[in-house]
Every structure is written in C-alpha cells, then in structure tokens.
Amino acid sequence: MEITWYGHSCFRLTERSMATVVTDPYDSKQVGYEPLKLKADIITISHNTAGHNFTSAVKGSSHVIDGPGEYEIGGVFITGIHTNGHTKKTEDEPRNTMYLIDYNGVNVLHMGDVNRVPTQTEVETLGPVHVALVPVGAGGSLTAIEATEVISLLEPNIVIPMHYATAHSTNTSVKLEPLSRFLKEMGLGSLESVPSLKIPNANSLPDETRVVVLEYQRNNQ
C-alpha cells in the first residue's frame, strides 16, 4: 500500500485492486493549502468542520464514512471509533471519530482531531496499529507532548505526523504548532521528508517505532 499526504489531516491510501481512501479532505480557504483535486472510492470524515469534511474536493467517491461503525468496501476494512464528544461528560466537546483502516493486514490508524490521550483500555480495543497518523500541532487536537504519550501507548511500527503548521498553512484560522516541537519531544532532530510511504506488507514494517515525515503534495490526482 501507499500513503500520500496532501496537507493538514488529509491523506490518500492506495493499494492495487483495492478501494482508495481519502481522509479528512479540507476546504483550502480554511487551512491555507492549495485546493484539493483528488479521486477516491471512500472518504473518511473525523469531524464536521471545514478543515476535515470538504467532500466536494474528492471526485468519484461512492462511500462517505463520517461516524463509528464497521465497514468493508472494496476489500478494505474500516472501523470507526468515537473518541471525544460522545458521552454525557464530553458532549460539549467537538465530536471526533478515528478510523482503523485495514489494507491486507496492514492497519493504519487515522486519529482525526482526537483531543486527549486515550486510556489503556481504549488502546487495547484497537488491536495492533502498524501505522499511526497522529495530530501533533495542537490547535484543538493533541499537543506535541500529548502526541508522544499516545505513541508510547499505541506502540505503532510507524508514526506519520499530521495537523501541524507548515509554510503552506499560513492562511488559516487555526493556530498550529510546528513539526519541530514534536520531533524534539520524540528526541529527534530534523528528519528528511519523503514523497510517500510505501509498505509492501506487514512483514516489511520496522520492529522499533519509526517516525516518517511526508512531503506535502501539491500535484493532486
């Protein structure tokens, strides 16, 4: 499978002969990146704000998933799990759904705008997480410190940071922290970014947790 980042919390996940998934498409007027022009079979929406639910930017989709549940579409298994804003104690919070996306046994967790560190019990219900797409730049979601706590609980093979300030996200109403703050918390210096992440199968994953920084892709397709 291949994971490509289009800025903010928007990724495209592809695998030959399987459905393509786009996560959290955004209105560029809200988040400061260039307008999206993507194609996908499935769109997942973590929560109902313009920075995460702009489905009209994605063409060809036959399925929009915007809440918890279990789904099987085009050979892809998707489980939506509510995090914040779904109980009496948290009903005033903005709702968020994170998605565990299974491509041939490679489990990718898109955390959306989760705003608190999950409990150990909540983590155990997820099962193995091979790739975690983690918000790291605050702005209503996890701070850099909280993101590192989440990663230590999940123990994923690969972490891909998202939802942080970049040179392309300056015209945004949401104030985000830079990636460097998260990397410092992880004990890392600057990392060279890559255009996309390709994972042949679960056996190719690293044994120790590795942070992979993806380049923002303008060339939408």
C-alpha atoms as a PDB file:
ATOM      1  CA  MET A   1       0.000   0.000   0.000  1.00  0.00           C
ATOM      2  CA  GLU A   2       0.990   3.635  -0.428  1.00  0.00           C
ATOM      3  CA  ILE A   3       0.237   6.611   1.835  1.00  0.00           C
ATOM      4  CA  THR A   4       0.457  10.168   0.468  1.00  0.00           C
ATOM      5  CA  TRP A   5      -0.077  13.389   2.432  1.00  0.00           C
ATOM      6  CA  TYR A   6      -1.960  16.358   0.975  1.00  0.00           C
ATOM      7  CA  GLY A   7      -1.588  18.668   3.958  1.00  0.00           C
ATOM      8  CA  HIS A   8      -3.343  19.100   7.292  1.00  0.00           C
ATOM      9  CA  SER A   9      -5.050  15.754   8.117  1.00  0.00           C
ATOM     10  CA  CYS A  10      -5.688  14.697   4.515  1.00  0.00           C
ATOM     11  CA  PHE A  11      -4.084  11.505   3.223  1.00  0.00           C
ATOM     12  CA  ARG A  12      -4.702   9.182   0.314  1.00  0.00           C
ATOM     13  CA  LEU A  13      -4.279   5.451   0.891  1.00  0.00           C
ATOM     14  CA  THR A  14      -3.997   3.229  -2.162  1.00  0.00           C
ATOM     15  CA  GLU A  15      -3.404  -0.433  -2.945  1.00  0.00           C
ATOM     16  CA  ARG A  16      -3.600  -2.138  -6.306  1.00  0.00           C
ATOM     17  CA  SER A  17      -7.009  -3.773  -6.977  1.00  0.00           C
ATOM     18  CA  MET A  18      -8.422  -2.359  -3.720  1.00  0.00           C
ATOM     19  CA  ALA A  19     -10.516   0.705  -2.879  1.00  0.00           C
ATOM     20  CA  THR A  20      -8.733   4.054  -2.494  1.00  0.00           C
ATOM     21  CA  VAL A  21      -9.353   6.006   0.719  1.00  0.00           C
ATOM     22  CA  VAL A  22      -9.017   9.760   1.265  1.00  0.00           C
ATOM     23  CA  THR A  23      -9.094  11.000   4.860  1.00  0.00           C
ATOM     24  CA  ASP A  24     -10.342  14.384   6.086  1.00  0.00           C
ATOM     25  CA  PRO A  25     -10.440  16.432   2.853  1.00  0.00           C
ATOM     26  CA  TYR A  26     -10.307  20.148   3.633  1.00  0.00           C
ATOM     27  CA  ASP A  27     -11.554  23.475   2.360  1.00  0.00           C
ATOM     28  CA  SER A  28      -8.329  25.230   1.384  1.00  0.00           C
ATOM     29  CA  LYS A  29      -9.792  28.579   2.436  1.00  0.00           C
ATOM     30  CA  GLN A  30      -9.843  27.283   5.998  1.00  0.00           C
ATOM     31  CA  VAL A  31      -6.456  25.595   6.250  1.00  0.00           C
ATOM     32  CA  GLY A  32      -4.253  27.525   3.838  1.00  0.00           C
ATOM     33  CA  TYR A  33      -3.135  24.809   1.430  1.00  0.00           C
ATOM     34  CA  GLU A  34      -3.907  24.725  -2.283  1.00  0.00           C
ATOM     35  CA  PRO A  35      -7.373  23.471  -3.303  1.00  0.00           C
ATOM     36  CA  LEU A  36      -7.641  19.697  -3.348  1.00  0.00           C
ATOM     37  CA  LYS A  37      -8.403  17.798  -6.538  1.00  0.00           C
ATOM     38  CA  LEU A  38      -8.451  14.163  -5.517  1.00  0.00           C
ATOM     39  CA  LYS A  39     -10.130  10.942  -6.596  1.00  0.00           C
ATOM     40  CA  ALA A  40     -11.134   8.143  -4.231  1.00  0.00           C
ATOM     41  CA  ASP A  41     -13.652   5.379  -3.647  1.00  0.00           C
ATOM     42  CA  ILE A  42     -14.014   6.089   0.076  1.00  0.00           C
ATOM     43  CA  ILE A  43     -13.850   9.296   2.127  1.00  0.00           C
ATOM     44  CA  THR A  44     -13.489   9.229   5.905  1.00  0.00           C
ATOM     45  CA  ILE A  45     -14.514  12.280   7.942  1.00  0.00           C
ATOM     46  CA  SER A  46     -13.255  12.576  11.506  1.00  0.00           C
ATOM     47  CA  HIS A  47     -15.431  15.535  12.471  1.00  0.00           C
ATOM     48  CA  ASN A  48     -17.733  18.103  10.980  1.00  0.00           C
ATOM     49  CA  THR A  49     -15.586  21.163  10.327  1.00  0.00           C
ATOM     50  CA  ALA A  50     -14.475  22.659   7.015  1.00  0.00           C
ATOM     51  CA  GLY A  51     -10.866  21.676   7.625  1.00  0.00           C
ATOM     52  CA  HIS A  52     -11.838  17.998   7.691  1.00  0.00           C
ATOM     53  CA  ASN A  53     -15.167  17.402   5.896  1.00  0.00           C
ATOM     54  CA  PHE A  54     -14.880  19.063   2.465  1.00  0.00           C
ATOM     55  CA  THR A  55     -16.099  16.074   0.455  1.00  0.00           C
ATOM     56  CA  SER A  56     -16.680  18.060  -2.752  1.00  0.00           C
ATOM     57  CA  ALA A  57     -12.880  18.223  -3.182  1.00  0.00           C
ATOM     58  CA  VAL A  58     -12.843  14.464  -3.842  1.00  0.00           C
ATOM     59  CA  LYS A  59     -14.294  13.036  -7.036  1.00  0.00           C
ATOM     60  CA  GLY A  60     -15.543   9.535  -7.724  1.00  0.00           C
ATOM     61  CA  SER A  61     -16.292   8.565  -4.146  1.00  0.00           C
ATOM     62  CA  SER A  62     -19.167   6.137  -3.663  1.00  0.00           C
ATOM     63  CA  HIS A  63     -18.887   5.941   0.126  1.00  0.00           C
ATOM     64  CA  VAL A  64     -18.556   8.695   2.742  1.00  0.00           C
ATOM     65  CA  ILE A  65     -17.929   7.450   6.281  1.00  0.00           C
ATOM     66  CA  ASP A  66     -18.487  10.060   8.974  1.00  0.00           C
ATOM     67  CA  GLY A  67     -19.030   8.132  12.187  1.00  0.00           C
ATOM     68  CA  PRO A  68     -18.344   4.997  14.202  1.00  0.00           C
ATOM     69  CA  GLY A  69     -19.059   1.528  12.894  1.00  0.00           C
ATOM     70  CA  GLU A  70     -17.540  -1.311  10.910  1.00  0.00           C
ATOM     71  CA  TYR A  71     -17.320  -1.166   7.127  1.00  0.00           C
ATOM     72  CA  GLU A  72     -15.991  -3.409   4.359  1.00  0.00           C
ATOM     73  CA  ILE A  73     -15.682  -1.690   0.986  1.00  0.00           C
ATOM     74  CA  GLY A  74     -13.621  -2.756  -1.994  1.00  0.00           C
ATOM     75  CA  GLY A  75     -11.516  -5.158   0.041  1.00  0.00           C
ATOM     76  CA  VAL A  76     -10.721  -2.525   2.691  1.00  0.00           C
ATOM     77  CA  PHE A  77     -11.900  -2.994   6.282  1.00  0.00           C
ATOM     78  CA  ILE A  78     -12.571   0.227   8.191  1.00  0.00           C
ATOM     79  CA  THR A  79     -13.531   0.589  11.848  1.00  0.00           C
ATOM     80  CA  GLY A  80     -14.679   3.992  13.128  1.00  0.00           C
ATOM     81  CA  ILE A  81     -14.245   4.693  16.847  1.00  0.00           C
ATOM     82  CA  HIS A  82     -15.603   7.726  18.689  1.00  0.00           C
ATOM     83  CA  THR A  83     -13.107   9.483  20.931  1.00  0.00           C
ATOM     84  CA  ASN A  84     -14.197  12.865  22.267  1.00  0.00           C
ATOM     85  CA  GLY A  85     -17.642  14.453  22.380  1.00  0.00           C
ATOM     86  CA  HIS A  86     -19.736  11.291  22.615  1.00  0.00           C
ATOM     87  CA  THR A  87     -20.521  10.843  26.318  1.00  0.00           C
ATOM     88  CA  LYS A  88     -22.502  12.905  28.814  1.00  0.00           C
ATOM     89  CA  LYS A  89     -19.245  14.099  30.334  1.00  0.00           C
ATOM     90  CA  THR A  90     -17.811  15.145  26.980  1.00  0.00           C
ATOM     91  CA  GLU A  91     -20.873  16.032  24.924  1.00  0.00           C
ATOM     92  CA  ASP A  92     -19.869  19.716  24.841  1.00  0.00           C
ATOM     93  CA  GLU A  93     -16.601  18.796  23.096  1.00  0.00           C
ATOM     94  CA  PRO A  94     -16.381  18.699  19.301  1.00  0.00           C
ATOM     95  CA  ARG A  95     -17.061  15.127  18.226  1.00  0.00           C
ATOM     96  CA  ASN A  96     -14.269  13.100  16.684  1.00  0.00           C
ATOM     97  CA  THR A  97     -14.057   9.693  15.055  1.00  0.00           C
ATOM     98  CA  MET A  98     -10.767   7.972  14.420  1.00  0.00           C
ATOM     99  CA  TYR A  99     -10.529   5.243  11.814  1.00  0.00           C
ATOM    100  CA  LEU A 100      -8.612   1.984  11.801  1.00  0.00           C
ATOM    101  CA  ILE A 101      -8.112   1.131   8.123  1.00  0.00           C
ATOM    102  CA  ASP A 102      -7.007  -2.422   7.279  1.00  0.00           C
ATOM    103  CA  TYR A 103      -5.298  -2.997   3.928  1.00  0.00           C
ATOM    104  CA  ASN A 104      -4.374  -6.687   3.636  1.00  0.00           C
ATOM    105  CA  GLY A 105      -3.383  -6.884   7.291  1.00  0.00           C
ATOM    106  CA  VAL A 106      -1.591  -3.520   7.466  1.00  0.00           C
ATOM    107  CA  ASN A 107      -3.551  -1.468   9.994  1.00  0.00           C
ATOM    108  CA  VAL A 108      -3.453   2.316   9.586  1.00  0.00           C
ATOM    109  CA  LEU A 109      -4.980   4.448  12.354  1.00  0.00           C
ATOM    110  CA  HIS A 110      -6.101   7.955  11.360  1.00  0.00           C
ATOM    111  CA  MET A 111      -6.696   9.758  14.658  1.00  0.00           C
ATOM    112  CA  GLY A 112      -8.569  12.780  13.305  1.00  0.00           C
ATOM    113  CA  ASP A 113      -8.728  15.603  15.845  1.00  0.00           C
ATOM    114  CA  VAL A 114      -8.502  13.452  18.963  1.00  0.00           C
ATOM    115  CA  ASN A 115      -8.017  15.899  21.829  1.00  0.00           C
ATOM    116  CA  ARG A 116      -6.950  13.706  24.713  1.00  0.00           C
ATOM    117  CA  VAL A 117      -4.696  10.760  25.412  1.00  0.00           C
ATOM    118  CA  PRO A 118      -6.766   7.549  25.218  1.00  0.00           C
ATOM    119  CA  THR A 119      -6.886   5.137  28.122  1.00  0.00           C
ATOM    120  CA  GLN A 120      -5.013   1.838  28.089  1.00  0.00           C
ATOM    121  CA  THR A 121      -8.361   0.053  27.735  1.00  0.00           C
ATOM    122  CA  GLU A 122      -9.279   2.128  24.681  1.00  0.00           C
ATOM    123  CA  VAL A 123      -5.906   1.375  23.117  1.00  0.00           C
ATOM    124  CA  GLU A 124      -6.278  -2.368  23.710  1.00  0.00           C
ATOM    125  CA  THR A 125      -9.628  -2.424  21.901  1.00  0.00           C
ATOM    126  CA  LEU A 126      -7.883  -1.222  18.729  1.00  0.00           C
ATOM    127  CA  GLY A 127      -5.616  -4.224  18.463  1.00  0.00           C
ATOM    128  CA  PRO A 128      -2.299  -3.827  16.623  1.00  0.00           C
ATOM    129  CA  VAL A 129      -1.668  -0.441  14.991  1.00  0.00           C
ATOM    130  CA  HIS A 130       1.044  -0.635  12.365  1.00  0.00           C
ATOM    131  CA  VAL A 131       0.912   2.949  11.070  1.00  0.00           C
ATOM    132  CA  ALA A 132      -0.412   5.803  13.218  1.00  0.00           C
ATOM    133  CA  LEU A 133      -1.376   9.112  11.592  1.00  0.00           C
ATOM    134  CA  VAL A 134      -1.099  11.368  14.631  1.00  0.00           C
ATOM    135  CA  PRO A 135      -2.020  15.060  15.077  1.00  0.00           C
ATOM    136  CA  VAL A 136       0.944  16.767  16.716  1.00  0.00           C
ATOM    137  CA  GLY A 137       0.381  20.527  16.385  1.00  0.00           C
ATOM    138  CA  ALA A 138      -2.330  21.310  18.976  1.00  0.00           C
ATOM    139  CA  GLY A 139      -4.974  23.695  17.570  1.00  0.00           C
ATOM    140  CA  GLY A 140      -7.781  21.819  19.317  1.00  0.00           C
ATOM    141  CA  SER A 141      -6.064  18.457  18.950  1.00  0.00           C
ATOM    142  CA  LEU A 142      -3.061  16.793  20.579  1.00  0.00           C
ATOM    143  CA  THR A 143      -0.079  18.862  21.612  1.00  0.00           C
ATOM    144  CA  ALA A 144       3.414  17.588  20.875  1.00  0.00           C
ATOM    145  CA  ILE A 145       3.747  16.248  24.418  1.00  0.00           C
ATOM    146  CA  GLU A 146       0.357  14.507  24.276  1.00  0.00           C
ATOM    147  CA  ALA A 147       1.198  13.025  20.889  1.00  0.00           C
ATOM    148  CA  THR A 148       4.311  11.374  22.310  1.00  0.00           C
ATOM    149  CA  GLU A 149       2.194   9.901  25.136  1.00  0.00           C
ATOM    150  CA  VAL A 150      -0.260   8.471  22.615  1.00  0.00           C
ATOM    151  CA  ILE A 151       2.566   6.953  20.589  1.00  0.00           C
ATOM    152  CA  SER A 152       4.026   5.277  23.675  1.00  0.00           C
ATOM    153  CA  LEU A 153       0.623   3.700  24.346  1.00  0.00           C
ATOM    154  CA  LEU A 154      -0.067   2.600  20.780  1.00  0.00           C
ATOM    155  CA  GLU A 155       3.467   1.345  20.086  1.00  0.00           C
ATOM    156  CA  PRO A 156       2.987   1.548  16.302  1.00  0.00           C
ATOM    157  CA  ASN A 157       5.658   0.459  13.860  1.00  0.00           C
ATOM    158  CA  ILE A 158       5.481   3.766  12.001  1.00  0.00           C
ATOM    159  CA  VAL A 159       4.287   7.237  13.041  1.00  0.00           C
ATOM    160  CA  ILE A 160       3.336   9.837  10.458  1.00  0.00           C
ATOM    161  CA  PRO A 161       2.732  13.284  11.994  1.00  0.00           C
ATOM    162  CA  MET A 162      -0.108  15.467  10.693  1.00  0.00           C
ATOM    163  CA  HIS A 163      -2.099  18.577  11.655  1.00  0.00           C
ATOM    164  CA  TYR A 164       0.852  20.910  12.267  1.00  0.00           C
ATOM    165  CA  ALA A 165       1.995  24.292  10.961  1.00  0.00           C
ATOM    166  CA  THR A 166       3.843  24.400   7.651  1.00  0.00           C
ATOM    167  CA  ALA A 167       4.907  27.096   5.207  1.00  0.00           C
ATOM    168  CA  HIS A 168       1.798  26.231   3.182  1.00  0.00           C
ATOM    169  CA  SER A 169      -0.687  26.615   6.041  1.00  0.00           C
ATOM    170  CA  THR A 170      -0.112  30.242   6.994  1.00  0.00           C
ATOM    171  CA  ASN A 171      -3.552  31.492   5.900  1.00  0.00           C
ATOM    172  CA  THR A 172      -5.523  29.534   8.452  1.00  0.00           C
ATOM    173  CA  SER A 173      -7.821  30.400  11.313  1.00  0.00           C
ATOM    174  CA  VAL A 174      -6.410  27.504  13.367  1.00  0.00           C
ATOM    175  CA  LYS A 175      -3.127  28.242  15.101  1.00  0.00           C
ATOM    176  CA  LEU A 176      -0.911  25.174  14.939  1.00  0.00           C
ATOM    177  CA  GLU A 177       2.480  24.378  16.399  1.00  0.00           C
ATOM    178  CA  PRO A 178       5.438  23.475  14.138  1.00  0.00           C
ATOM    179  CA  LEU A 179       6.606  19.922  13.500  1.00  0.00           C
ATOM    180  CA  SER A 180       9.960  20.691  15.148  1.00  0.00           C
ATOM    181  CA  ARG A 181       8.311  20.805  18.571  1.00  0.00           C
ATOM    182  CA  PHE A 182       7.029  17.251  18.181  1.00  0.00           C
ATOM    183  CA  LEU A 183      10.333  15.960  16.832  1.00  0.00           C
ATOM    184  CA  LYS A 184      12.108  17.471  19.831  1.00  0.00           C
ATOM    185  CA  GLU A 185       9.712  15.700  22.210  1.00  0.00           C
ATOM    186  CA  MET A 186      10.476  12.454  20.385  1.00  0.00           C
ATOM    187  CA  GLY A 187      14.199  13.050  20.846  1.00  0.00           C
ATOM    188  CA  LEU A 188      14.740  13.556  17.129  1.00  0.00           C
ATOM    189  CA  GLY A 189      16.418  16.254  15.098  1.00  0.00           C
ATOM    190  CA  SER A 190      15.081  17.357  11.754  1.00  0.00           C
ATOM    191  CA  LEU A 191      14.064  14.452   9.528  1.00  0.00           C
ATOM    192  CA  GLU A 192      14.271  14.365   5.753  1.00  0.00           C
ATOM    193  CA  SER A 193      10.769  14.126   4.337  1.00  0.00           C
ATOM    194  CA  VAL A 194       9.731  11.624   1.674  1.00  0.00           C
ATOM    195  CA  PRO A 195       7.096  11.975  -1.084  1.00  0.00           C
ATOM    196  CA  SER A 196       5.077   8.988   0.126  1.00  0.00           C
ATOM    197  CA  LEU A 197       5.300   5.870   2.258  1.00  0.00           C
ATOM    198  CA  LYS A 198       5.109   2.503   0.512  1.00  0.00           C
ATOM    199  CA  ILE A 199       4.505  -0.628   2.590  1.00  0.00           C
ATOM    200  CA  PRO A 200       4.650  -3.923   0.644  1.00  0.00           C
ATOM    201  CA  ASN A 201       3.195  -5.954   3.521  1.00  0.00           C
ATOM    202  CA  ALA A 202       3.105  -6.246   7.307  1.00  0.00           C
ATOM    203  CA  ASN A 203       6.375  -8.219   7.332  1.00  0.00           C
ATOM    204  CA  SER A 204       8.224  -5.210   5.891  1.00  0.00           C
ATOM    205  CA  LEU A 205       7.425  -2.971   8.870  1.00  0.00           C
ATOM    206  CA  PRO A 206      10.226  -1.927  11.257  1.00  0.00           C
ATOM    207  CA  ASP A 207      10.401  -3.605  14.658  1.00  0.00           C
ATOM    208  CA  GLU A 208      11.007  -0.347  16.520  1.00  0.00           C
ATOM    209  CA  THR A 209       8.737   2.685  16.209  1.00  0.00           C
ATOM    210  CA  ARG A 210       9.954   4.962  13.422  1.00  0.00           C
ATOM    211  CA  VAL A 211       8.783   8.494  12.607  1.00  0.00           C
ATOM    212  CA  VAL A 212       8.270   9.186   8.901  1.00  0.00           C
ATOM    213  CA  VAL A 213       7.673  12.762   7.734  1.00  0.00           C
ATOM    214  CA  LEU A 214       5.784  13.018   4.452  1.00  0.00           C
ATOM    215  CA  GLU A 215       6.158  15.884   1.991  1.00  0.00           C
ATOM    216  CA  TYR A 216       3.084  17.969   1.291  1.00  0.00           C
ATOM    217  CA  GLN A 217       1.943  17.008  -2.210  1.00  0.00           C
ATOM    218  CA  ARG A 218       0.529  19.737  -4.458  1.00  0.00           C
ATOM    219  CA  ASN A 219       0.161  17.535  -7.513  1.00  0.00           C
ATOM    220  CA  ASN A 220      -3.309  16.240  -6.765  1.00  0.00           C
ATOM    221  CA  GLN A 221      -4.815  13.483  -8.828  1.00  0.00           C
END
